[in-house]
Amino acid sequence: MLIQILCVGKIKEKYMRDAIAEYQKRLSRFCRFEVVEVSDISIPDQASEAEKAAVLKKEGELLLSKIKSGAYLICMCVEGQTLSTEEFANRMQQWEISGVRQICFVIGGSLGLWDELKKRADLRFSLSALTLTHQMARLFLAEQIYRAYKINRNEVYHK
């Protein structure tokens, strides 16, 4: 299975890139895992609603262009469904059993995700009711994917 985290912007902090790379390495024994970044669109400090909508659309179109046909699309968004770790692991297992060959998790930029992209999602998912930076969301998502594989294979993983 290919699991992809598709996101807006690059991570500048080395420690954060290193942490995500560590989970990418750990996941390599279970699946193909990749993080794909698209450029973030700059937005003026006092942007109008129309300017914000234009940025969301541009970022959304960039993200859509990277989503492979047939991928199971999961939009990470604040209004998405929350799942416990065990529920998430169960879903991952169900997708694998049902023959899903690619899962694409999408994390938007500072304004969130374009509505048209969210409409295409097979699932809207939220990691937490807390507000997280987009960089933290990438790391936490990678860790939860890894944890799901460990749970589903009955392998020990620290609590």
N, C-alpha and C. Protein backbone atom coordinates (compact mmCIF):
# COMPACT_ATOMS: atom_id res chain seq x y z
N MET A 1 0.85 -1.18 0.00
CA MET A 1 0.00 0.00 0.00
C MET A 1 0.89 1.24 0.00
N LEU A 2 0.44 2.24 -0.70
CA LEU A 2 1.11 3.54 -0.69
C LEU A 2 0.31 4.47 0.21
N ILE A 3 0.99 5.04 1.18
CA ILE A 3 0.38 6.04 2.05
C ILE A 3 1.13 7.34 1.83
N GLN A 4 0.35 8.35 1.52
CA GLN A 4 0.93 9.63 1.16
C GLN A 4 0.35 10.72 2.06
N ILE A 5 1.22 11.59 2.56
CA ILE A 5 0.76 12.81 3.21
C ILE A 5 1.08 13.93 2.22
N LEU A 6 0.04 14.53 1.72
CA LEU A 6 0.14 15.61 0.75
C LEU A 6 -0.15 16.91 1.49
N CYS A 7 0.77 17.86 1.42
CA CYS A 7 0.63 19.04 2.25
C CYS A 7 1.13 20.31 1.57
N VAL A 8 0.68 21.42 2.11
CA VAL A 8 1.05 22.73 1.61
C VAL A 8 2.24 23.25 2.42
N GLY A 9 3.29 23.66 1.73
CA GLY A 9 4.43 24.27 2.38
C GLY A 9 5.49 23.28 2.81
N LYS A 10 6.66 23.83 3.08
CA LYS A 10 7.79 23.03 3.53
C LYS A 10 8.00 23.22 5.03
N ILE A 11 8.63 22.24 5.63
CA ILE A 11 8.99 22.34 7.04
C ILE A 11 10.40 22.92 7.12
N LYS A 12 10.52 24.01 7.85
CA LYS A 12 11.80 24.70 7.95
C LYS A 12 12.69 24.15 9.06
N GLU A 13 12.09 23.68 10.13
CA GLU A 13 12.84 23.23 11.30
C GLU A 13 13.43 21.84 11.07
N LYS A 14 14.75 21.72 11.25
CA LYS A 14 15.44 20.45 11.02
C LYS A 14 14.93 19.36 11.96
N TYR A 15 14.71 19.69 13.23
CA TYR A 15 14.26 18.69 14.18
C TYR A 15 12.92 18.08 13.77
N MET A 16 12.05 18.90 13.17
CA MET A 16 10.75 18.40 12.73
C MET A 16 10.91 17.51 11.50
N ARG A 17 11.74 17.93 10.55
CA ARG A 17 12.00 17.10 9.37
C ARG A 17 12.61 15.76 9.78
N ASP A 18 13.54 15.81 10.75
CA ASP A 18 14.18 14.58 11.23
C ASP A 18 13.17 13.63 11.88
N ALA A 19 12.25 14.18 12.65
CA ALA A 19 11.24 13.35 13.32
C ALA A 19 10.33 12.67 12.29
N ILE A 20 9.91 13.42 11.30
CA ILE A 20 9.05 12.84 10.25
C ILE A 20 9.83 11.79 9.46
N ALA A 21 11.10 12.07 9.18
CA ALA A 21 11.95 11.10 8.46
C ALA A 21 12.10 9.81 9.26
N GLU A 22 12.15 9.92 10.58
CA GLU A 22 12.26 8.73 11.42
C GLU A 22 11.02 7.84 11.25
N TYR A 23 9.83 8.44 11.24
CA TYR A 23 8.62 7.63 11.03
C TYR A 23 8.55 7.11 9.61
N GLN A 24 9.05 7.87 8.66
CA GLN A 24 9.09 7.39 7.28
C GLN A 24 9.96 6.13 7.20
N LYS A 25 11.08 6.14 7.89
CA LYS A 25 11.97 4.98 7.92
C LYS A 25 11.28 3.79 8.61
N ARG A 26 10.65 4.04 9.74
CA ARG A 26 9.97 2.97 10.47
C ARG A 26 8.82 2.37 9.65
N LEU A 27 8.11 3.21 8.92
CA LEU A 27 6.97 2.75 8.13
C LEU A 27 7.40 1.94 6.91
N SER A 28 8.64 2.06 6.49
CA SER A 28 9.09 1.39 5.26
C SER A 28 8.95 -0.13 5.33
N ARG A 29 8.89 -0.71 6.51
CA ARG A 29 8.70 -2.16 6.60
C ARG A 29 7.24 -2.58 6.46
N PHE A 30 6.33 -1.62 6.52
CA PHE A 30 4.90 -1.92 6.43
C PHE A 30 4.27 -1.47 5.11
N CYS A 31 4.75 -0.37 4.56
CA CYS A 31 4.09 0.21 3.39
C CYS A 31 5.08 1.16 2.69
N ARG A 32 4.66 1.64 1.55
CA ARG A 32 5.39 2.76 0.93
C ARG A 32 4.78 4.02 1.53
N PHE A 33 5.62 4.87 2.06
CA PHE A 33 5.14 6.08 2.73
C PHE A 33 5.92 7.26 2.19
N GLU A 34 5.18 8.30 1.82
CA GLU A 34 5.86 9.49 1.32
C GLU A 34 5.12 10.75 1.74
N VAL A 35 5.90 11.81 1.85
CA VAL A 35 5.35 13.13 2.12
C VAL A 35 5.60 13.95 0.86
N VAL A 36 4.54 14.52 0.31
CA VAL A 36 4.63 15.34 -0.89
C VAL A 36 4.20 16.75 -0.52
N GLU A 37 5.05 17.71 -0.81
CA GLU A 37 4.76 19.10 -0.48
C GLU A 37 4.49 19.89 -1.75
N VAL A 38 3.50 20.76 -1.67
CA VAL A 38 3.26 21.73 -2.74
C VAL A 38 3.56 23.11 -2.17
N SER A 39 3.86 24.05 -3.04
CA SER A 39 4.19 25.40 -2.60
C SER A 39 3.00 26.07 -1.94
N ASP A 40 3.32 26.82 -0.88
CA ASP A 40 2.25 27.62 -0.30
C ASP A 40 2.16 28.95 -1.06
N ILE A 41 0.99 29.46 -1.12
CA ILE A 41 0.73 30.71 -1.83
C ILE A 41 0.77 31.84 -0.80
N SER A 42 1.55 32.87 -1.08
CA SER A 42 1.63 33.97 -0.12
C SER A 42 0.31 34.73 -0.08
N ILE A 43 0.02 35.22 1.10
CA ILE A 43 -1.23 35.94 1.32
C ILE A 43 -0.91 37.23 2.06
N PRO A 44 -1.50 38.34 1.65
CA PRO A 44 -1.25 39.61 2.34
C PRO A 44 -1.71 39.55 3.80
N ASP A 45 -1.09 40.36 4.65
CA ASP A 45 -1.44 40.38 6.07
C ASP A 45 -2.91 40.71 6.31
N GLN A 46 -3.42 41.68 5.62
CA GLN A 46 -4.81 42.10 5.79
C GLN A 46 -5.64 41.66 4.57
N ALA A 47 -5.57 40.38 4.25
CA ALA A 47 -6.23 39.87 3.05
C ALA A 47 -7.75 39.97 3.15
N SER A 48 -8.35 40.30 2.04
CA SER A 48 -9.82 40.32 1.96
C SER A 48 -10.32 38.88 1.85
N GLU A 49 -11.61 38.71 2.02
CA GLU A 49 -12.20 37.38 1.87
C GLU A 49 -11.99 36.85 0.46
N ALA A 50 -12.07 37.71 -0.53
CA ALA A 50 -11.84 37.30 -1.92
C ALA A 50 -10.40 36.84 -2.12
N GLU A 51 -9.45 37.53 -1.51
CA GLU A 51 -8.04 37.12 -1.63
C GLU A 51 -7.81 35.79 -0.93
N LYS A 52 -8.42 35.60 0.21
CA LYS A 52 -8.30 34.33 0.92
C LYS A 52 -8.90 33.19 0.10
N ALA A 53 -10.05 33.44 -0.50
CA ALA A 53 -10.70 32.43 -1.33
C ALA A 53 -9.82 32.07 -2.53
N ALA A 54 -9.16 33.07 -3.11
CA ALA A 54 -8.28 32.83 -4.26
C ALA A 54 -7.08 31.98 -3.85
N VAL A 55 -6.52 32.24 -2.68
CA VAL A 55 -5.39 31.45 -2.18
C VAL A 55 -5.82 30.02 -1.92
N LEU A 56 -6.97 29.84 -1.26
CA LEU A 56 -7.49 28.49 -1.01
C LEU A 56 -7.68 27.72 -2.31
N LYS A 57 -8.22 28.39 -3.31
CA LYS A 57 -8.45 27.74 -4.60
C LYS A 57 -7.14 27.35 -5.26
N LYS A 58 -6.16 28.24 -5.28
CA LYS A 58 -4.86 27.93 -5.90
C LYS A 58 -4.18 26.77 -5.20
N GLU A 59 -4.16 26.82 -3.86
CA GLU A 59 -3.55 25.72 -3.11
C GLU A 59 -4.32 24.43 -3.35
N GLY A 60 -5.65 24.51 -3.36
CA GLY A 60 -6.48 23.34 -3.61
C GLY A 60 -6.22 22.72 -4.97
N GLU A 61 -6.07 23.55 -5.98
CA GLU A 61 -5.78 23.05 -7.32
C GLU A 61 -4.40 22.39 -7.38
N LEU A 62 -3.42 22.98 -6.68
CA LEU A 62 -2.09 22.36 -6.61
C LEU A 62 -2.17 20.99 -5.95
N LEU A 63 -2.91 20.91 -4.86
CA LEU A 63 -3.07 19.64 -4.16
C LEU A 63 -3.78 18.62 -5.04
N LEU A 64 -4.87 19.03 -5.66
CA LEU A 64 -5.62 18.11 -6.53
C LEU A 64 -4.76 17.55 -7.65
N SER A 65 -3.86 18.36 -8.17
CA SER A 65 -3.01 17.91 -9.28
C SER A 65 -2.05 16.81 -8.85
N LYS A 66 -1.82 16.65 -7.55
CA LYS A 66 -0.89 15.64 -7.04
C LYS A 66 -1.58 14.37 -6.58
N ILE A 67 -2.91 14.39 -6.52
CA ILE A 67 -3.64 13.21 -6.04
C ILE A 67 -3.81 12.23 -7.19
N LYS A 68 -3.33 11.02 -6.98
CA LYS A 68 -3.40 10.00 -8.02
C LYS A 68 -4.81 9.45 -8.13
N SER A 69 -5.18 9.14 -9.35
CA SER A 69 -6.50 8.57 -9.62
C SER A 69 -6.68 7.28 -8.81
N GLY A 70 -7.83 7.14 -8.20
CA GLY A 70 -8.13 5.94 -7.44
C GLY A 70 -7.68 5.97 -5.99
N ALA A 71 -6.99 7.03 -5.58
CA ALA A 71 -6.53 7.12 -4.19
C ALA A 71 -7.71 7.33 -3.26
N TYR A 72 -7.64 6.75 -2.10
CA TYR A 72 -8.63 7.00 -1.04
C TYR A 72 -8.22 8.32 -0.42
N LEU A 73 -9.05 9.33 -0.55
CA LEU A 73 -8.71 10.69 -0.18
C LEU A 73 -9.24 11.04 1.20
N ILE A 74 -8.32 11.44 2.08
CA ILE A 74 -8.68 11.84 3.43
C ILE A 74 -8.21 13.28 3.64
N CYS A 75 -9.17 14.17 3.84
CA CYS A 75 -8.85 15.57 4.10
C CYS A 75 -8.76 15.79 5.60
N MET A 76 -7.63 16.30 6.03
CA MET A 76 -7.42 16.63 7.42
C MET A 76 -8.00 18.02 7.66
N CYS A 77 -9.05 18.09 8.46
CA CYS A 77 -9.70 19.39 8.67
C CYS A 77 -10.36 19.41 10.04
N VAL A 78 -10.47 20.61 10.57
CA VAL A 78 -10.97 20.80 11.92
C VAL A 78 -12.38 20.24 12.10
N GLU A 79 -13.20 20.29 11.05
CA GLU A 79 -14.57 19.79 11.18
C GLU A 79 -14.66 18.29 10.90
N GLY A 80 -13.51 17.65 10.70
CA GLY A 80 -13.50 16.23 10.39
C GLY A 80 -13.83 15.35 11.58
N GLN A 81 -14.05 14.10 11.30
CA GLN A 81 -14.36 13.09 12.32
C GLN A 81 -13.11 12.82 13.15
N THR A 82 -13.27 12.72 14.44
CA THR A 82 -12.16 12.31 15.30
C THR A 82 -12.30 10.83 15.61
N LEU A 83 -11.17 10.17 15.70
CA LEU A 83 -11.14 8.74 16.00
C LEU A 83 -10.12 8.50 17.11
N SER A 84 -10.37 7.52 17.93
CA SER A 84 -9.35 7.10 18.89
C SER A 84 -8.24 6.40 18.11
N THR A 85 -7.13 6.18 18.75
CA THR A 85 -6.03 5.47 18.11
C THR A 85 -6.48 4.08 17.66
N GLU A 86 -7.23 3.40 18.50
CA GLU A 86 -7.69 2.05 18.16
C GLU A 86 -8.68 2.08 17.00
N GLU A 87 -9.56 3.08 16.98
CA GLU A 87 -10.50 3.21 15.86
C GLU A 87 -9.76 3.51 14.56
N PHE A 88 -8.74 4.36 14.65
CA PHE A 88 -7.95 4.68 13.47
C PHE A 88 -7.23 3.42 12.96
N ALA A 89 -6.64 2.66 13.86
CA ALA A 89 -5.97 1.41 13.47
C ALA A 89 -6.95 0.47 12.80
N ASN A 90 -8.16 0.38 13.35
CA ASN A 90 -9.19 -0.47 12.76
C ASN A 90 -9.55 -0.02 11.35
N ARG A 91 -9.69 1.28 11.16
CA ARG A 91 -9.98 1.81 9.82
C ARG A 91 -8.85 1.48 8.86
N MET A 92 -7.62 1.68 9.30
CA MET A 92 -6.47 1.37 8.44
C MET A 92 -6.52 -0.10 8.01
N GLN A 93 -6.83 -0.96 8.96
CA GLN A 93 -6.92 -2.39 8.65
C GLN A 93 -8.05 -2.67 7.67
N GLN A 94 -9.20 -2.03 7.87
CA GLN A 94 -10.33 -2.21 6.96
C GLN A 94 -9.97 -1.76 5.54
N TRP A 95 -9.29 -0.63 5.42
CA TRP A 95 -8.90 -0.14 4.09
C TRP A 95 -7.96 -1.13 3.42
N GLU A 96 -7.03 -1.67 4.20
CA GLU A 96 -6.08 -2.63 3.65
C GLU A 96 -6.79 -3.91 3.20
N ILE A 97 -7.68 -4.41 4.02
CA ILE A 97 -8.42 -5.64 3.70
C ILE A 97 -9.32 -5.44 2.48
N SER A 98 -9.92 -4.27 2.38
CA SER A 98 -10.86 -4.01 1.28
C SER A 98 -10.16 -3.71 -0.05
N GLY A 99 -8.84 -3.71 -0.04
CA GLY A 99 -8.12 -3.56 -1.29
C GLY A 99 -7.73 -2.14 -1.65
N VAL A 100 -7.83 -1.22 -0.71
CA VAL A 100 -7.36 0.13 -1.00
C VAL A 100 -5.86 0.06 -1.23
N ARG A 101 -5.43 0.59 -2.36
CA ARG A 101 -4.01 0.50 -2.72
C ARG A 101 -3.24 1.78 -2.41
N GLN A 102 -3.98 2.89 -2.27
CA GLN A 102 -3.33 4.14 -1.96
C GLN A 102 -4.24 4.99 -1.09
N ILE A 103 -3.66 5.51 -0.01
CA ILE A 103 -4.36 6.44 0.87
C ILE A 103 -3.61 7.76 0.80
N CYS A 104 -4.35 8.81 0.55
CA CYS A 104 -3.76 10.15 0.46
C CYS A 104 -4.37 11.04 1.53
N PHE A 105 -3.57 11.38 2.54
CA PHE A 105 -3.98 12.31 3.59
C PHE A 105 -3.58 13.71 3.12
N VAL A 106 -4.49 14.66 3.15
CA VAL A 106 -4.20 16.01 2.67
C VAL A 106 -4.28 17.00 3.83
N ILE A 107 -3.20 17.77 3.99
CA ILE A 107 -3.13 18.82 5.00
C ILE A 107 -2.97 20.14 4.26
N GLY A 108 -3.88 21.06 4.50
CA GLY A 108 -3.86 22.34 3.81
C GLY A 108 -2.87 23.33 4.40
N GLY A 109 -2.93 24.53 3.91
CA GLY A 109 -2.07 25.61 4.38
C GLY A 109 -2.71 26.33 5.56
N SER A 110 -2.23 27.54 5.81
CA SER A 110 -2.67 28.30 6.99
C SER A 110 -4.16 28.65 6.95
N LEU A 111 -4.75 28.67 5.77
CA LEU A 111 -6.18 28.97 5.66
C LEU A 111 -7.06 27.72 5.66
N GLY A 112 -6.43 26.57 5.69
CA GLY A 112 -7.20 25.32 5.65
C GLY A 112 -7.23 24.73 4.26
N LEU A 113 -8.33 24.07 3.93
CA LEU A 113 -8.49 23.40 2.64
C LEU A 113 -9.65 24.01 1.85
N TRP A 114 -9.47 24.04 0.56
CA TRP A 114 -10.48 24.50 -0.39
C TRP A 114 -11.70 23.60 -0.27
N ASP A 115 -12.90 24.19 -0.24
CA ASP A 115 -14.14 23.42 -0.10
C ASP A 115 -14.31 22.37 -1.19
N GLU A 116 -13.92 22.70 -2.42
CA GLU A 116 -14.07 21.74 -3.52
C GLU A 116 -13.22 20.49 -3.29
N LEU A 117 -12.07 20.65 -2.66
CA LEU A 117 -11.22 19.52 -2.34
C LEU A 117 -11.87 18.68 -1.24
N LYS A 118 -12.40 19.34 -0.23
CA LYS A 118 -13.05 18.61 0.86
C LYS A 118 -14.27 17.84 0.37
N LYS A 119 -14.97 18.37 -0.63
CA LYS A 119 -16.14 17.67 -1.19
C LYS A 119 -15.74 16.36 -1.85
N ARG A 120 -14.52 16.29 -2.38
CA ARG A 120 -14.04 15.07 -3.04
C ARG A 120 -13.54 14.01 -2.07
N ALA A 121 -13.40 14.38 -0.81
CA ALA A 121 -12.81 13.48 0.18
C ALA A 121 -13.69 12.26 0.44
N ASP A 122 -13.04 11.13 0.62
CA ASP A 122 -13.73 9.92 1.07
C ASP A 122 -13.97 9.99 2.58
N LEU A 123 -13.13 10.76 3.26
CA LEU A 123 -13.25 10.94 4.70
C LEU A 123 -12.66 12.30 5.07
N ARG A 124 -13.34 12.98 5.97
CA ARG A 124 -12.79 14.19 6.59
C ARG A 124 -12.38 13.77 7.99
N PHE A 125 -11.13 14.02 8.32
CA PHE A 125 -10.55 13.49 9.55
C PHE A 125 -9.88 14.61 10.33
N SER A 126 -10.03 14.60 11.63
CA SER A 126 -9.38 15.57 12.52
C SER A 126 -8.55 14.80 13.54
N LEU A 127 -7.32 15.22 13.72
CA LEU A 127 -6.46 14.58 14.71
C LEU A 127 -6.86 14.95 16.14
N SER A 128 -7.39 16.15 16.29
CA SER A 128 -7.68 16.63 17.64
C SER A 128 -8.57 17.86 17.57
N ALA A 129 -9.24 18.13 18.66
CA ALA A 129 -9.99 19.37 18.76
C ALA A 129 -9.05 20.54 19.06
N LEU A 130 -7.83 20.22 19.44
CA LEU A 130 -6.82 21.25 19.67
C LEU A 130 -6.35 21.82 18.34
N THR A 131 -5.90 23.05 18.36
CA THR A 131 -5.30 23.64 17.17
C THR A 131 -3.84 23.23 17.12
N LEU A 132 -3.43 22.63 16.01
CA LEU A 132 -2.05 22.19 15.82
C LEU A 132 -1.44 22.95 14.66
N THR A 133 -0.13 23.16 14.72
CA THR A 133 0.54 23.70 13.54
C THR A 133 0.47 22.63 12.45
N HIS A 134 0.58 23.04 11.22
CA HIS A 134 0.52 22.08 10.12
C HIS A 134 1.72 21.14 10.16
N GLN A 135 2.86 21.63 10.65
CA GLN A 135 4.04 20.79 10.78
C GLN A 135 3.82 19.73 11.85
N MET A 136 3.22 20.12 12.97
CA MET A 136 2.93 19.16 14.03
C MET A 136 1.91 18.13 13.54
N ALA A 137 0.93 18.58 12.80
CA ALA A 137 -0.08 17.66 12.27
C ALA A 137 0.57 16.59 11.41
N ARG A 138 1.54 16.98 10.58
CA ARG A 138 2.26 15.98 9.75
C ARG A 138 2.94 14.95 10.63
N LEU A 139 3.65 15.43 11.64
CA LEU A 139 4.37 14.52 12.53
C LEU A 139 3.40 13.61 13.28
N PHE A 140 2.36 14.18 13.87
CA PHE A 140 1.41 13.38 14.64
C PHE A 140 0.70 12.36 13.75
N LEU A 141 0.37 12.76 12.53
CA LEU A 141 -0.28 11.83 11.61
C LEU A 141 0.65 10.68 11.25
N ALA A 142 1.91 11.00 10.94
CA ALA A 142 2.88 9.94 10.62
C ALA A 142 3.03 8.97 11.80
N GLU A 143 3.08 9.52 13.00
CA GLU A 143 3.20 8.67 14.18
C GLU A 143 1.98 7.79 14.35
N GLN A 144 0.78 8.33 14.13
CA GLN A 144 -0.44 7.54 14.29
C GLN A 144 -0.57 6.45 13.22
N ILE A 145 -0.09 6.73 12.03
CA ILE A 145 -0.08 5.71 10.97
C ILE A 145 0.84 4.57 11.38
N TYR A 146 2.03 4.93 11.88
CA TYR A 146 2.97 3.91 12.36
C TYR A 146 2.36 3.11 13.52
N ARG A 147 1.78 3.81 14.47
CA ARG A 147 1.15 3.14 15.62
C ARG A 147 0.04 2.19 15.16
N ALA A 148 -0.73 2.61 14.16
CA ALA A 148 -1.81 1.75 13.63
C ALA A 148 -1.25 0.45 13.07
N TYR A 149 -0.15 0.54 12.32
CA TYR A 149 0.47 -0.67 11.79
C TYR A 149 0.96 -1.57 12.92
N LYS A 150 1.56 -1.00 13.95
CA LYS A 150 2.05 -1.81 15.07
C LYS A 150 0.88 -2.50 15.79
N ILE A 151 -0.21 -1.77 16.01
CA ILE A 151 -1.39 -2.35 16.65
C ILE A 151 -1.96 -3.47 15.80
N ASN A 152 -2.10 -3.24 14.51
CA ASN A 152 -2.73 -4.22 13.63
C ASN A 152 -1.89 -5.48 13.44
N ARG A 153 -0.61 -5.40 13.74
CA ARG A 153 0.26 -6.56 13.64
C ARG A 153 0.61 -7.13 15.02
N ASN A 154 -0.11 -6.65 16.02
CA ASN A 154 0.10 -7.11 17.39
C ASN A 154 1.56 -7.00 17.83
N GLU A 155 2.21 -5.94 17.41
CA GLU A 155 3.60 -5.70 17.80
C GLU A 155 3.64 -4.69 18.93
N VAL A 156 4.60 -4.84 19.80
CA VAL A 156 4.75 -3.96 20.96
C VAL A 156 5.22 -2.58 20.48
N TYR A 157 4.61 -1.57 21.03
CA TYR A 157 5.00 -0.17 20.78
C TYR A 157 4.79 0.56 22.09
N HIS A 158 5.71 1.41 22.46
CA HIS A 158 5.60 2.09 23.76
C HIS A 158 4.30 2.88 23.86
N LYS A 159 3.83 3.02 25.05
CA LYS A 159 2.55 3.73 25.27
C LYS A 159 2.80 5.15 25.62
